[in-house]
Every structure is written in structure tokens, then in C-alpha cells.
N, C-alpha and C. Protein backbone atom coordinates (compact mmCIF):
# COMPACT_ATOMS: atom_id res chain seq x y z
N MET A 1 92.88 -96.63 -37.34
CA MET A 1 91.96 -96.26 -36.29
C MET A 1 91.32 -97.53 -35.74
N PRO A 2 91.12 -97.64 -34.40
CA PRO A 2 90.53 -98.85 -33.82
C PRO A 2 89.11 -99.08 -34.31
N GLU A 3 88.63 -100.31 -34.08
CA GLU A 3 87.29 -100.67 -34.51
C GLU A 3 86.22 -99.81 -33.86
N ASN A 4 86.46 -99.30 -32.64
CA ASN A 4 85.44 -98.50 -31.97
C ASN A 4 85.34 -97.10 -32.58
N GLY A 5 86.22 -96.77 -33.54
CA GLY A 5 86.13 -95.50 -34.23
C GLY A 5 86.71 -94.33 -33.46
N GLN A 6 87.31 -94.58 -32.30
CA GLN A 6 87.88 -93.50 -31.52
C GLN A 6 89.36 -93.37 -31.81
N ASN A 7 89.82 -92.15 -31.89
CA ASN A 7 91.23 -91.88 -32.10
C ASN A 7 91.95 -92.13 -30.78
N PRO A 8 92.94 -93.05 -30.71
CA PRO A 8 93.63 -93.36 -29.46
C PRO A 8 94.26 -92.13 -28.81
N ALA A 9 94.74 -91.18 -29.61
CA ALA A 9 95.36 -89.99 -29.05
C ALA A 9 94.35 -89.17 -28.26
N LEU A 10 93.08 -89.25 -28.60
CA LEU A 10 92.06 -88.47 -27.91
C LEU A 10 91.51 -89.17 -26.68
N THR A 11 91.73 -90.47 -26.55
CA THR A 11 91.16 -91.21 -25.43
C THR A 11 92.19 -91.53 -24.35
N ARG A 12 93.41 -91.09 -24.50
CA ARG A 12 94.45 -91.34 -23.51
C ARG A 12 94.16 -90.54 -22.24
N PRO A 13 94.41 -91.15 -21.08
CA PRO A 13 94.22 -90.38 -19.85
C PRO A 13 95.26 -89.28 -19.74
N PRO A 14 94.91 -88.19 -19.09
CA PRO A 14 95.86 -87.08 -18.99
C PRO A 14 97.05 -87.41 -18.10
N ILE A 15 98.14 -86.73 -18.33
CA ILE A 15 99.32 -86.84 -17.47
C ILE A 15 99.01 -86.08 -16.17
N LEU A 16 99.32 -86.69 -15.05
CA LEU A 16 99.11 -86.07 -13.74
C LEU A 16 100.45 -85.63 -13.16
N THR A 17 100.41 -84.70 -12.23
CA THR A 17 101.63 -84.40 -11.48
C THR A 17 101.91 -85.61 -10.59
N ARG A 18 103.14 -85.76 -10.17
CA ARG A 18 103.47 -86.88 -9.28
C ARG A 18 102.68 -86.80 -7.98
N GLU A 19 102.49 -85.58 -7.48
CA GLU A 19 101.74 -85.39 -6.24
C GLU A 19 100.29 -85.84 -6.40
N GLU A 20 99.66 -85.47 -7.52
CA GLU A 20 98.27 -85.85 -7.76
C GLU A 20 98.15 -87.36 -7.95
N ALA A 21 99.07 -87.96 -8.69
CA ALA A 21 99.04 -89.41 -8.87
C ALA A 21 99.21 -90.12 -7.53
N SER A 22 100.09 -89.62 -6.68
CA SER A 22 100.30 -90.22 -5.36
C SER A 22 99.06 -90.05 -4.47
N ARG A 23 98.42 -88.89 -4.55
CA ARG A 23 97.20 -88.66 -3.76
C ARG A 23 96.09 -89.63 -4.17
N ARG A 24 95.92 -89.81 -5.47
CA ARG A 24 94.90 -90.75 -5.95
C ARG A 24 95.25 -92.18 -5.57
N ALA A 25 96.52 -92.54 -5.66
CA ALA A 25 96.94 -93.89 -5.27
C ALA A 25 96.70 -94.12 -3.78
N ALA A 26 96.92 -93.11 -2.95
CA ALA A 26 96.67 -93.24 -1.51
C ALA A 26 95.19 -93.47 -1.24
N LEU A 27 94.31 -92.78 -1.95
CA LEU A 27 92.87 -93.00 -1.78
C LEU A 27 92.49 -94.41 -2.21
N LEU A 28 93.08 -94.87 -3.32
CA LEU A 28 92.79 -96.24 -3.77
C LEU A 28 93.37 -97.27 -2.79
N ALA A 29 94.48 -96.96 -2.13
CA ALA A 29 95.04 -97.86 -1.12
C ALA A 29 94.08 -97.97 0.07
N ASP A 30 93.40 -96.88 0.42
CA ASP A 30 92.38 -96.94 1.47
C ASP A 30 91.26 -97.90 1.08
N LEU A 31 90.83 -97.82 -0.17
CA LEU A 31 89.80 -98.74 -0.66
C LEU A 31 90.33 -100.17 -0.68
N GLN A 32 91.58 -100.34 -1.08
CA GLN A 32 92.19 -101.67 -1.10
C GLN A 32 92.21 -102.29 0.29
N ASN A 33 92.55 -101.51 1.31
CA ASN A 33 92.55 -102.01 2.69
C ASN A 33 91.14 -102.38 3.14
N ALA A 34 90.17 -101.57 2.76
CA ALA A 34 88.78 -101.87 3.12
C ALA A 34 88.31 -103.14 2.41
N LEU A 35 88.72 -103.33 1.17
CA LEU A 35 88.36 -104.56 0.45
C LEU A 35 89.01 -105.77 1.10
N ALA A 36 90.27 -105.65 1.52
CA ALA A 36 90.96 -106.75 2.18
C ALA A 36 90.22 -107.15 3.46
N ALA A 37 89.68 -106.17 4.18
CA ALA A 37 88.90 -106.47 5.38
C ALA A 37 87.63 -107.24 5.05
N GLN A 38 87.16 -107.12 3.81
CA GLN A 38 85.97 -107.87 3.35
C GLN A 38 86.37 -109.22 2.73
N GLY A 39 87.68 -109.50 2.70
CA GLY A 39 88.16 -110.74 2.10
C GLY A 39 88.27 -110.69 0.59
N VAL A 40 88.32 -109.49 0.02
CA VAL A 40 88.38 -109.32 -1.43
C VAL A 40 89.81 -108.96 -1.83
N SER A 41 90.34 -109.66 -2.82
CA SER A 41 91.69 -109.39 -3.33
C SER A 41 91.65 -108.25 -4.33
N SER A 42 92.71 -107.46 -4.33
CA SER A 42 92.82 -106.37 -5.30
C SER A 42 94.30 -106.03 -5.50
N VAL A 43 94.58 -105.37 -6.61
CA VAL A 43 95.94 -104.96 -6.94
C VAL A 43 95.90 -103.50 -7.38
N LEU A 44 96.74 -102.69 -6.74
CA LEU A 44 96.85 -101.29 -7.09
C LEU A 44 97.90 -101.13 -8.18
N ALA A 45 97.50 -100.58 -9.30
CA ALA A 45 98.40 -100.41 -10.44
C ALA A 45 98.63 -98.93 -10.70
N ARG A 46 99.87 -98.51 -10.49
CA ARG A 46 100.24 -97.15 -10.90
C ARG A 46 100.52 -97.23 -12.39
N ARG A 47 100.15 -96.21 -13.10
CA ARG A 47 100.33 -96.22 -14.55
C ARG A 47 101.18 -95.04 -14.96
N HIS A 48 101.99 -95.24 -15.98
CA HIS A 48 102.90 -94.20 -16.46
C HIS A 48 102.92 -94.26 -17.98
N ARG A 49 102.69 -93.13 -18.61
CA ARG A 49 102.77 -93.08 -20.07
C ARG A 49 104.19 -92.70 -20.45
N LEU A 50 104.79 -93.50 -21.31
CA LEU A 50 106.13 -93.24 -21.79
C LEU A 50 106.04 -92.91 -23.27
N VAL A 51 106.46 -91.72 -23.62
CA VAL A 51 106.46 -91.29 -25.01
C VAL A 51 107.91 -91.17 -25.45
N LEU A 52 108.26 -91.91 -26.47
CA LEU A 52 109.63 -91.87 -26.98
C LEU A 52 109.79 -90.66 -27.89
N GLN A 53 110.84 -89.93 -27.68
CA GLN A 53 111.13 -88.75 -28.48
C GLN A 53 111.96 -89.17 -29.68
N GLY A 54 111.69 -88.57 -30.82
CA GLY A 54 112.48 -88.89 -31.98
C GLY A 54 112.29 -87.89 -33.08
N GLY A 55 113.32 -87.64 -33.80
CA GLY A 55 113.22 -86.74 -34.94
C GLY A 55 112.86 -85.33 -34.54
N ARG A 56 112.17 -84.68 -35.43
CA ARG A 56 111.79 -83.28 -35.19
C ARG A 56 110.33 -83.14 -34.83
N THR A 57 109.64 -84.25 -34.67
CA THR A 57 108.22 -84.18 -34.34
C THR A 57 108.05 -83.83 -32.87
N ARG A 58 107.04 -83.08 -32.61
CA ARG A 58 106.72 -82.71 -31.23
C ARG A 58 105.82 -83.81 -30.65
N SER A 59 106.23 -84.37 -29.53
CA SER A 59 105.52 -85.48 -28.92
C SER A 59 104.80 -85.04 -27.66
N GLU A 60 103.81 -85.85 -27.29
CA GLU A 60 103.13 -85.63 -26.02
C GLU A 60 104.11 -85.89 -24.88
N PRO A 61 103.83 -85.34 -23.69
CA PRO A 61 104.74 -85.57 -22.56
C PRO A 61 104.58 -86.98 -21.98
N SER A 62 105.63 -87.44 -21.34
CA SER A 62 105.58 -88.67 -20.56
C SER A 62 105.23 -88.30 -19.12
N GLY A 63 104.70 -89.25 -18.37
CA GLY A 63 104.43 -88.99 -16.96
C GLY A 63 103.38 -89.92 -16.40
N PRO A 64 103.10 -89.78 -15.09
CA PRO A 64 102.12 -90.65 -14.45
C PRO A 64 100.70 -90.34 -14.93
N THR A 65 99.90 -91.38 -15.05
CA THR A 65 98.49 -91.22 -15.38
C THR A 65 97.67 -91.79 -14.22
N ASP A 66 96.38 -91.85 -14.41
CA ASP A 66 95.47 -92.26 -13.35
C ASP A 66 95.76 -93.68 -12.84
N PRO A 67 96.05 -93.85 -11.55
CA PRO A 67 96.22 -95.21 -11.02
C PRO A 67 94.89 -95.95 -11.01
N GLN A 68 94.94 -97.26 -11.03
CA GLN A 68 93.74 -98.10 -11.02
C GLN A 68 93.86 -99.16 -9.94
N LEU A 69 92.72 -99.50 -9.35
CA LEU A 69 92.65 -100.61 -8.41
C LEU A 69 91.86 -101.72 -9.09
N HIS A 70 92.53 -102.84 -9.38
CA HIS A 70 91.88 -103.99 -10.00
C HIS A 70 91.34 -104.88 -8.88
N ILE A 71 90.04 -105.11 -8.91
CA ILE A 71 89.33 -105.82 -7.83
C ILE A 71 88.90 -107.19 -8.35
N PHE A 72 89.23 -108.23 -7.57
CA PHE A 72 88.94 -109.61 -7.97
C PHE A 72 87.98 -110.25 -6.97
N THR A 73 86.80 -110.60 -7.44
CA THR A 73 85.84 -111.31 -6.60
C THR A 73 85.57 -112.67 -7.25
N PRO A 74 84.96 -113.59 -6.51
CA PRO A 74 84.65 -114.89 -7.11
C PRO A 74 83.73 -114.78 -8.33
N ASP A 75 82.97 -113.69 -8.40
CA ASP A 75 82.01 -113.53 -9.48
C ASP A 75 82.49 -112.65 -10.63
N GLY A 76 83.70 -112.11 -10.53
CA GLY A 76 84.19 -111.28 -11.62
C GLY A 76 85.20 -110.26 -11.14
N THR A 77 85.54 -109.37 -12.04
CA THR A 77 86.52 -108.33 -11.74
C THR A 77 85.91 -106.96 -12.00
N ASP A 78 86.52 -105.95 -11.40
CA ASP A 78 86.12 -104.57 -11.63
C ASP A 78 87.37 -103.72 -11.49
N ILE A 79 87.32 -102.51 -11.94
CA ILE A 79 88.43 -101.57 -11.83
C ILE A 79 87.91 -100.29 -11.21
N ALA A 80 88.61 -99.81 -10.19
CA ALA A 80 88.23 -98.55 -9.54
C ALA A 80 89.30 -97.50 -9.80
N THR A 81 88.84 -96.27 -10.00
CA THR A 81 89.71 -95.11 -10.10
C THR A 81 89.12 -94.03 -9.19
N THR A 82 89.84 -92.96 -8.99
CA THR A 82 89.31 -91.84 -8.22
C THR A 82 89.93 -90.55 -8.73
N HIS A 83 89.16 -89.48 -8.61
CA HIS A 83 89.66 -88.14 -8.88
C HIS A 83 89.72 -87.36 -7.58
N GLY A 84 89.41 -88.03 -6.47
CA GLY A 84 89.54 -87.39 -5.17
C GLY A 84 88.26 -87.36 -4.37
N SER A 85 87.14 -87.08 -4.99
CA SER A 85 85.90 -86.97 -4.22
C SER A 85 85.08 -88.26 -4.23
N ALA A 86 85.32 -89.13 -5.20
CA ALA A 86 84.54 -90.37 -5.30
C ALA A 86 85.39 -91.47 -5.92
N TYR A 87 85.02 -92.70 -5.59
CA TYR A 87 85.58 -93.87 -6.27
C TYR A 87 84.67 -94.16 -7.45
N HIS A 88 85.26 -94.32 -8.63
CA HIS A 88 84.50 -94.63 -9.83
C HIS A 88 84.86 -96.03 -10.28
N PHE A 89 83.85 -96.86 -10.47
CA PHE A 89 84.05 -98.25 -10.86
C PHE A 89 83.73 -98.43 -12.34
N ALA A 90 84.48 -99.30 -13.00
CA ALA A 90 84.24 -99.57 -14.41
C ALA A 90 82.83 -100.10 -14.65
N SER A 91 82.25 -100.71 -13.63
CA SER A 91 80.88 -101.24 -13.74
C SER A 91 79.85 -100.12 -13.80
N GLY A 92 80.27 -98.87 -13.56
CA GLY A 92 79.36 -97.74 -13.64
C GLY A 92 78.98 -97.14 -12.30
N ASP A 93 79.31 -97.82 -11.22
CA ASP A 93 78.98 -97.32 -9.89
C ASP A 93 79.99 -96.26 -9.45
N ALA A 94 79.55 -95.40 -8.53
CA ALA A 94 80.43 -94.42 -7.90
C ALA A 94 80.04 -94.30 -6.44
N HIS A 95 81.04 -94.12 -5.57
CA HIS A 95 80.81 -93.99 -4.13
C HIS A 95 81.74 -92.94 -3.57
N PRO A 96 81.29 -92.19 -2.55
CA PRO A 96 82.14 -91.14 -1.98
C PRO A 96 83.48 -91.70 -1.49
N ALA A 97 84.55 -90.97 -1.77
CA ALA A 97 85.89 -91.40 -1.37
C ALA A 97 86.13 -91.24 0.12
N ASP A 98 85.26 -90.48 0.79
CA ASP A 98 85.45 -90.31 2.23
C ASP A 98 84.91 -91.49 3.03
N ASP A 99 84.36 -92.52 2.36
CA ASP A 99 83.86 -93.72 3.04
C ASP A 99 84.30 -94.97 2.27
N PRO A 100 85.61 -95.30 2.32
CA PRO A 100 86.07 -96.47 1.56
C PRO A 100 85.45 -97.78 2.04
N ALA A 101 85.09 -97.88 3.32
CA ALA A 101 84.48 -99.11 3.82
C ALA A 101 83.13 -99.36 3.14
N ARG A 102 82.35 -98.31 2.97
CA ARG A 102 81.05 -98.45 2.30
C ARG A 102 81.24 -98.85 0.84
N ALA A 103 82.20 -98.21 0.16
CA ALA A 103 82.47 -98.55 -1.23
C ALA A 103 82.94 -100.00 -1.34
N ALA A 104 83.75 -100.44 -0.38
CA ALA A 104 84.25 -101.82 -0.39
C ALA A 104 83.12 -102.81 -0.18
N ARG A 105 82.23 -102.50 0.75
CA ARG A 105 81.08 -103.41 0.98
C ARG A 105 80.25 -103.54 -0.28
N HIS A 106 80.05 -102.44 -0.96
CA HIS A 106 79.27 -102.49 -2.19
C HIS A 106 80.00 -103.29 -3.27
N ALA A 107 81.30 -103.03 -3.44
CA ALA A 107 82.08 -103.73 -4.46
C ALA A 107 82.15 -105.23 -4.16
N ALA A 108 82.26 -105.59 -2.89
CA ALA A 108 82.36 -107.00 -2.49
C ALA A 108 81.04 -107.73 -2.70
N GLY A 109 79.94 -107.04 -2.53
CA GLY A 109 78.64 -107.69 -2.62
C GLY A 109 77.90 -107.49 -3.91
N ARG A 110 78.34 -106.56 -4.72
CA ARG A 110 77.61 -106.20 -5.93
C ARG A 110 77.47 -107.36 -6.90
N THR A 111 78.58 -108.00 -7.25
CA THR A 111 78.49 -109.04 -8.27
C THR A 111 77.75 -110.27 -7.75
N ALA A 112 77.92 -110.58 -6.48
CA ALA A 112 77.21 -111.74 -5.92
C ALA A 112 75.71 -111.50 -5.88
N SER A 113 75.29 -110.29 -5.54
CA SER A 113 73.86 -110.02 -5.44
C SER A 113 73.22 -109.77 -6.79
N ASP A 114 74.03 -109.34 -7.79
CA ASP A 114 73.49 -109.06 -9.10
C ASP A 114 73.48 -110.27 -10.03
N ALA A 115 74.19 -111.33 -9.63
CA ALA A 115 74.30 -112.50 -10.51
C ALA A 115 73.00 -113.24 -10.64
């Protein structure tokens, strides 16, 4: 068991349908474009859980999981995800997904103003 005491099987992100994973990636791409307009670099990472089948044990399914947008500013990095209605940042912030420009302005200025 990891040092944090959490069982890795319980903390894995759920498998999404391909359509849902694509929808979330498209929303993150909107945020990525808004960040680029602010001069902020970011990388959209699609994620896929691969479970190898073997023996007679029943395994969890393989499939796409929550995509992430890795954001790089001169003052640090952050990771954004979305479930559709809001962008959620690893730093703890959340912003409505219907306004990616506002979320980008906040992400671009947050670390510089908080430092």
C-alpha cells in the first residue's frame, strides 16, 4: 500500500466512454486555445488505462480515462480537468466551462499574483 495509505485500486479514475472522453478533451482544447492567446503553454494529455488480462482472475476494464491539460507558466505548473460544467484545477480553483477565456486569464495570472 502507498505511503499515503490509499488503496490504488480505489483512487483510479473511472473508465469513460470514448464519446465522453472526446467531449472532455474538446472542452480542454478550448481552454488550451484561450491559454495560448494569453501566451501560456499547455499540453493536452489523453489518458488510457490498460489492464492486462491473465489467468482466471477477473480484471478491471481498459479504456479512456479523464483527459488532463498540463499548464506551464513561468511561475509553475497546474493541471486542469473537466467534467463538462466547470474546469477544475489541481491548485483547487474551478471556473465555468462555458467561459474558457476567463478561466485562462485566471490560470495565466494566478501564480504570478499569488507569488
